[in-house]
Amino acid sequence: QVQLVESGGGLVQPGGSLRLSCAASGSMFSIYAMGWYRQAPGKQRELVAGISSAGSTRYADSVKGRFTISRDNLKNTVYLQMNSLKPEDTAVYYCNVLRVYYSDSPFSSWGQGTQVTVSS
C-alpha cells in the first residue's frame, strides 16, 4: 500500500485558483499512474485528472481547460493546479494510484483528502 497525504485545499472565491499537492510514500512512485479524485456532498467520488508515469494526462470534461495535473518524481508528489474555480468544484479532493492509466479505479487506500470550497 502507498500512503498518500493531500494538502493545499481551502476557501476560494469563484474564478480563483488553488494548487493541491499529494505526497506519496515509497520508492515506486515514478512508475505509478496517479489520479486526482473529488467527492462532493451527496455524490459519488469521481476521477477528475490522471497522469501516467510518462507524463501523459487526461481530464474529466467538467475540468478540462481549467485544471492541470503534474508530477515531480524526485519529490514523490503529484499536483493539481485548479484555475477558474466554480462553486460546483466544491468537494473533498483525494489523490490515489491508478490501477492502470486509462482506468478510473484506484489502487491504494485513501488518504484524508483536502477540502476545497468555492464560494463568495
C-alpha atoms as a PDB file:
ATOM      1  CA  GLN A   1       0.000   0.000   0.000  1.00  0.00           C
ATOM      2  CA  VAL A   2       1.067   3.532  -0.797  1.00  0.00           C
ATOM      3  CA  GLN A   3       0.412   6.168   1.829  1.00  0.00           C
ATOM      4  CA  LEU A   4      -0.950   9.414   0.447  1.00  0.00           C
ATOM      5  CA  VAL A   5      -1.149  12.842   2.077  1.00  0.00           C
ATOM      6  CA  GLU A   6      -3.102  15.600   0.355  1.00  0.00           C
ATOM      7  CA  SER A   7      -2.759  19.296   1.113  1.00  0.00           C
ATOM      8  CA  GLY A   8      -3.443  22.728  -0.317  1.00  0.00           C
ATOM      9  CA  GLY A   9      -7.196  22.991  -0.092  1.00  0.00           C
ATOM     10  CA  GLY A  10      -9.083  25.966   1.260  1.00  0.00           C
ATOM     11  CA  LEU A  11     -11.773  28.556   0.677  1.00  0.00           C
ATOM     12  CA  VAL A  12     -11.556  30.480  -2.575  1.00  0.00           C
ATOM     13  CA  GLN A  13     -13.854  32.839  -4.444  1.00  0.00           C
ATOM     14  CA  PRO A  14     -15.327  31.861  -7.803  1.00  0.00           C
ATOM     15  CA  GLY A  15     -12.766  32.472 -10.528  1.00  0.00           C
ATOM     16  CA  GLY A  16      -9.885  31.932  -8.129  1.00  0.00           C
ATOM     17  CA  SER A  17      -7.092  29.365  -8.122  1.00  0.00           C
ATOM     18  CA  LEU A  18      -5.668  26.729  -5.826  1.00  0.00           C
ATOM     19  CA  ARG A  19      -2.819  24.264  -6.106  1.00  0.00           C
ATOM     20  CA  LEU A  20      -3.222  20.909  -4.426  1.00  0.00           C
ATOM     21  CA  SER A  21      -0.336  18.630  -3.532  1.00  0.00           C
ATOM     22  CA  CYS A  22      -0.229  14.915  -2.818  1.00  0.00           C
ATOM     23  CA  ALA A  23       2.838  13.337  -1.253  1.00  0.00           C
ATOM     24  CA  ALA A  24       3.215   9.587  -1.714  1.00  0.00           C
ATOM     25  CA  SER A  25       5.324   7.139   0.252  1.00  0.00           C
ATOM     26  CA  GLY A  26       7.640   4.500  -1.136  1.00  0.00           C
ATOM     27  CA  SER A  27      10.260   4.126  -3.816  1.00  0.00           C
ATOM     28  CA  MET A  28       7.989   3.083  -6.698  1.00  0.00           C
ATOM     29  CA  PHE A  29       6.225   6.409  -7.215  1.00  0.00           C
ATOM     30  CA  SER A  30       7.804   7.113 -10.589  1.00  0.00           C
ATOM     31  CA  ILE A  31       6.246   4.025 -12.198  1.00  0.00           C
ATOM     32  CA  TYR A  32       2.736   4.678 -10.948  1.00  0.00           C
ATOM     33  CA  ALA A  33      -0.041   6.357 -12.844  1.00  0.00           C
ATOM     34  CA  MET A  34      -1.661   8.829 -10.459  1.00  0.00           C
ATOM     35  CA  GLY A  35      -5.054  10.425 -10.265  1.00  0.00           C
ATOM     36  CA  TRP A  36      -6.918  13.210  -8.513  1.00  0.00           C
ATOM     37  CA  TYR A  37     -10.464  12.455  -7.429  1.00  0.00           C
ATOM     38  CA  ARG A  38     -13.141  14.539  -5.756  1.00  0.00           C
ATOM     39  CA  GLN A  39     -16.264  13.821  -3.769  1.00  0.00           C
ATOM     40  CA  ALA A  40     -18.942  16.451  -3.342  1.00  0.00           C
ATOM     41  CA  PRO A  41     -21.605  16.118  -0.639  1.00  0.00           C
ATOM     42  CA  GLY A  42     -24.190  13.536  -1.609  1.00  0.00           C
ATOM     43  CA  LYS A  43     -22.279  12.488  -4.715  1.00  0.00           C
ATOM     44  CA  GLN A  44     -20.003   9.618  -5.653  1.00  0.00           C
ATOM     45  CA  ARG A  45     -16.274  10.072  -5.797  1.00  0.00           C
ATOM     46  CA  GLU A  46     -15.138  10.827  -9.339  1.00  0.00           C
ATOM     47  CA  LEU A  47     -11.800  10.969 -11.126  1.00  0.00           C
ATOM     48  CA  VAL A  48     -11.049  14.487 -12.367  1.00  0.00           C
ATOM     49  CA  ALA A  49      -7.482  14.106 -13.665  1.00  0.00           C
ATOM     50  CA  GLY A  50      -4.943  11.382 -14.318  1.00  0.00           C
ATOM     51  CA  ILE A  51      -1.267  11.340 -15.204  1.00  0.00           C
ATOM     52  CA  SER A  52       0.747   8.414 -16.485  1.00  0.00           C
ATOM     53  CA  SER A  53       4.264   7.507 -15.403  1.00  0.00           C
ATOM     54  CA  ALA A  54       5.467   9.083 -18.660  1.00  0.00           C
ATOM     55  CA  GLY A  55       3.553  12.313 -18.071  1.00  0.00           C
ATOM     56  CA  SER A  56       0.533  11.832 -20.323  1.00  0.00           C
ATOM     57  CA  THR A  57      -2.559  13.457 -18.880  1.00  0.00           C
ATOM     58  CA  ARG A  58      -6.328  13.128 -19.112  1.00  0.00           C
ATOM     59  CA  TYR A  59      -9.173  15.099 -17.604  1.00  0.00           C
ATOM     60  CA  ALA A  60     -12.851  14.900 -16.889  1.00  0.00           C
ATOM     61  CA  ASP A  61     -14.844  17.091 -19.243  1.00  0.00           C
ATOM     62  CA  SER A  62     -16.007  19.217 -16.309  1.00  0.00           C
ATOM     63  CA  VAL A  63     -12.468  20.420 -15.541  1.00  0.00           C
ATOM     64  CA  LYS A  64     -10.786  20.298 -18.931  1.00  0.00           C
ATOM     65  CA  GLY A  65      -9.034  23.571 -19.721  1.00  0.00           C
ATOM     66  CA  ARG A  66      -9.181  24.719 -16.089  1.00  0.00           C
ATOM     67  CA  PHE A  67      -7.258  22.063 -14.131  1.00  0.00           C
ATOM     68  CA  THR A  68      -3.719  20.826 -14.751  1.00  0.00           C
ATOM     69  CA  ILE A  69      -2.212  17.706 -13.219  1.00  0.00           C
ATOM     70  CA  SER A  70       1.554  17.347 -12.943  1.00  0.00           C
ATOM     71  CA  ARG A  71       4.090  15.302 -11.049  1.00  0.00           C
ATOM     72  CA  ASP A  72       7.563  15.591  -9.553  1.00  0.00           C
ATOM     73  CA  ASN A  73       9.076  12.127  -9.272  1.00  0.00           C
ATOM     74  CA  LEU A  74      12.046  13.382  -7.262  1.00  0.00           C
ATOM     75  CA  LYS A  75       9.654  14.624  -4.597  1.00  0.00           C
ATOM     76  CA  ASN A  76       7.173  11.731  -4.872  1.00  0.00           C
ATOM     77  CA  THR A  77       4.487  14.355  -5.328  1.00  0.00           C
ATOM     78  CA  VAL A  78       1.587  14.902  -7.700  1.00  0.00           C
ATOM     79  CA  TYR A  79      -0.053  18.318  -8.079  1.00  0.00           C
ATOM     80  CA  LEU A  80      -3.386  19.654  -9.238  1.00  0.00           C
ATOM     81  CA  GLN A  81      -3.423  23.275 -10.378  1.00  0.00           C
ATOM     82  CA  MET A  82      -7.009  24.485 -10.362  1.00  0.00           C
ATOM     83  CA  ASN A  83      -7.886  27.724 -12.127  1.00  0.00           C
ATOM     84  CA  SER A  84     -11.178  29.483 -12.868  1.00  0.00           C
ATOM     85  CA  LEU A  85     -12.780  27.668  -9.977  1.00  0.00           C
ATOM     86  CA  LYS A  86     -16.545  27.343  -9.844  1.00  0.00           C
ATOM     87  CA  PRO A  87     -18.897  26.655  -6.935  1.00  0.00           C
ATOM     88  CA  GLU A  88     -19.550  23.211  -8.402  1.00  0.00           C
ATOM     89  CA  ASP A  89     -15.861  22.378  -7.859  1.00  0.00           C
ATOM     90  CA  THR A  90     -16.531  22.368  -4.122  1.00  0.00           C
ATOM     91  CA  ALA A  91     -15.595  18.920  -2.816  1.00  0.00           C
ATOM     92  CA  VAL A  92     -13.073  16.933  -0.845  1.00  0.00           C
ATOM     93  CA  TYR A  93     -10.178  16.188  -3.175  1.00  0.00           C
ATOM     94  CA  TYR A  94      -8.166  12.968  -2.957  1.00  0.00           C
ATOM     95  CA  CYS A  95      -5.262  11.512  -4.853  1.00  0.00           C
ATOM     96  CA  ASN A  96      -4.574   7.849  -5.490  1.00  0.00           C
ATOM     97  CA  VAL A  97      -2.562   5.458  -7.568  1.00  0.00           C
ATOM     98  CA  LEU A  98      -4.416   4.389 -10.706  1.00  0.00           C
ATOM     99  CA  ARG A  99      -4.508   0.655 -11.406  1.00  0.00           C
ATOM    100  CA  VAL A 100      -3.718   1.467 -14.994  1.00  0.00           C
ATOM    101  CA  TYR A 101      -3.553   4.895 -16.621  1.00  0.00           C
ATOM    102  CA  TYR A 102      -6.772   4.510 -18.609  1.00  0.00           C
ATOM    103  CA  SER A 103      -8.748   3.173 -15.660  1.00  0.00           C
ATOM    104  CA  ASP A 104     -10.553   5.253 -13.073  1.00  0.00           C
ATOM    105  CA  SER A 105     -10.048   2.532 -10.483  1.00  0.00           C
ATOM    106  CA  PRO A 106      -7.852   3.415  -7.518  1.00  0.00           C
ATOM    107  CA  PHE A 107      -5.171   1.045  -6.327  1.00  0.00           C
ATOM    108  CA  SER A 108      -4.314   2.136  -2.807  1.00  0.00           C
ATOM    109  CA  SER A 109      -6.093   3.145   0.381  1.00  0.00           C
ATOM    110  CA  TRP A 110      -7.467   6.659   0.520  1.00  0.00           C
ATOM    111  CA  GLY A 111      -5.796   9.482   2.365  1.00  0.00           C
ATOM    112  CA  GLN A 112      -7.657  12.072   4.400  1.00  0.00           C
ATOM    113  CA  GLY A 113      -8.280  14.324   1.424  1.00  0.00           C
ATOM    114  CA  THR A 114      -8.253  18.099   1.314  1.00  0.00           C
ATOM    115  CA  GLN A 115     -11.368  20.279   1.324  1.00  0.00           C
ATOM    116  CA  VAL A 116     -11.877  22.774  -1.479  1.00  0.00           C
ATOM    117  CA  THR A 117     -14.700  25.254  -1.069  1.00  0.00           C
ATOM    118  CA  VAL A 118     -15.543  27.728  -3.817  1.00  0.00           C
ATOM    119  CA  SER A 119     -17.839  30.415  -2.537  1.00  0.00           C
ATOM    120  CA  SER A 120     -18.234  34.161  -2.478  1.00  0.00           C
END
